[in-house]
Every structure is written in C-alpha cells, then in structure tokens.
Amino acid sequence: MKVRLRNPDRIVEVDGPAQVSDMLAQLDINPETVLVIHDNTLVTAKAMLPADAEVEIRPVISGGSHG
C-alpha cells in the first residue's frame, strides 16, 4: 500500500493488507501522535487496510488559546 507521510512530505510502500496499528508499527510511528486517513475517512488503529490502499498519515498538532 502507498502511505503518504507528512512533515517531511514523502511516500513509502508498506506490505498489505494490514491493520492500521501494524502498519504504524512497521513505520515505527507512535499511534497516539498521528491521524490515519483512508478514502477521505479517519480510521482507527483496529481498521484493516487492503493491499492496494492509499493512506495518509498526518501528525497531530495541538494548540491553545493565546489569551
């Protein structure tokens, strides 16, 4: 499957099918630090991704009110 990673922007290939949590483990990514998007839908760590999936992984960015 094709996985687009952000910051820095790059595309890597990962063997599939795979559960999201397994894919993140293969990429050495902490699942609590990213959002995983497949078919324009946010998916959970237990979701199964097909071998031909195109996935985007975005880092979670938090901020607060500046007041």
Protein backbone atom coordinates (compact mmCIF):
# COMPACT_ATOMS: atom_id res chain seq x y z
CA MET A 1 0.00 0.00 0.00
CA LYS A 2 1.07 3.59 -0.56
CA VAL A 3 1.48 5.65 2.58
CA ARG A 4 1.90 9.42 2.40
CA LEU A 5 3.70 10.81 5.43
CA ARG A 6 3.68 14.49 6.31
CA ASN A 7 6.46 16.58 7.86
CA PRO A 8 8.50 15.87 5.82
CA ASP A 9 6.19 15.03 2.93
CA ARG A 10 7.10 11.67 1.40
CA ILE A 11 5.52 8.44 0.12
CA VAL A 12 6.56 4.98 1.26
CA GLU A 13 5.36 1.49 0.36
CA VAL A 14 4.15 -0.88 3.07
CA ASP A 15 3.12 -4.51 2.60
CA GLY A 16 -0.60 -5.09 2.94
CA PRO A 17 -3.23 -5.93 3.74
CA ALA A 18 -2.53 -4.74 7.26
CA GLN A 19 -4.26 -3.44 10.33
CA VAL A 20 -3.56 0.28 10.92
CA SER A 21 -1.75 -0.46 14.20
CA ASP A 22 0.54 -2.98 12.45
CA MET A 23 1.28 -0.55 9.61
CA LEU A 24 2.22 2.15 12.12
CA ALA A 25 4.44 -0.32 14.00
CA GLN A 26 6.24 -1.21 10.73
CA LEU A 27 6.90 2.51 10.22
CA ASP A 28 7.98 2.96 13.87
CA ILE A 29 5.25 5.57 14.45
CA ASN A 30 3.51 6.06 17.79
CA PRO A 31 -0.24 5.77 17.01
CA GLU A 32 -1.05 8.44 19.61
CA THR A 33 0.88 11.06 17.60
CA VAL A 34 -0.86 10.74 14.22
CA LEU A 35 -4.15 10.69 12.35
CA VAL A 36 -4.58 8.00 9.69
CA ILE A 37 -6.81 8.75 6.70
CA HIS A 38 -8.02 6.22 4.12
CA ASP A 39 -10.59 7.07 1.40
CA ASN A 40 -11.04 10.55 2.92
CA THR A 41 -12.08 8.94 6.20
CA LEU A 42 -10.31 8.96 9.55
CA VAL A 43 -9.61 5.33 10.51
CA THR A 44 -8.89 3.74 13.87
CA ALA A 45 -5.93 1.58 14.88
CA LYS A 46 -8.06 -1.58 14.51
CA ALA A 47 -9.17 -0.85 10.93
CA MET A 48 -7.96 -3.26 8.25
CA LEU A 49 -6.38 -1.67 5.18
CA PRO A 50 -6.35 -3.51 1.83
CA ALA A 51 -3.09 -4.15 -0.02
CA ASP A 52 -3.95 -1.52 -2.64
CA ALA A 53 -4.86 1.18 -0.09
CA GLU A 54 -3.64 4.75 -0.37
CA VAL A 55 -3.24 6.13 3.13
CA GLU A 56 -2.25 9.49 4.52
CA ILE A 57 -0.64 9.90 7.93
CA ARG A 58 -0.80 13.35 9.47
CA PRO A 59 0.85 14.40 12.71
CA VAL A 60 -1.47 15.51 15.50
CA ILE A 61 -0.92 19.17 16.21
CA SER A 62 -2.45 20.77 19.24
CA GLY A 63 -2.57 24.34 20.31
CA GLY A 64 -4.27 26.52 22.80
CA SER A 65 -5.85 29.85 23.08
CA HIS A 66 -3.46 32.74 23.29
CA GLY A 67 -5.17 34.97 25.76
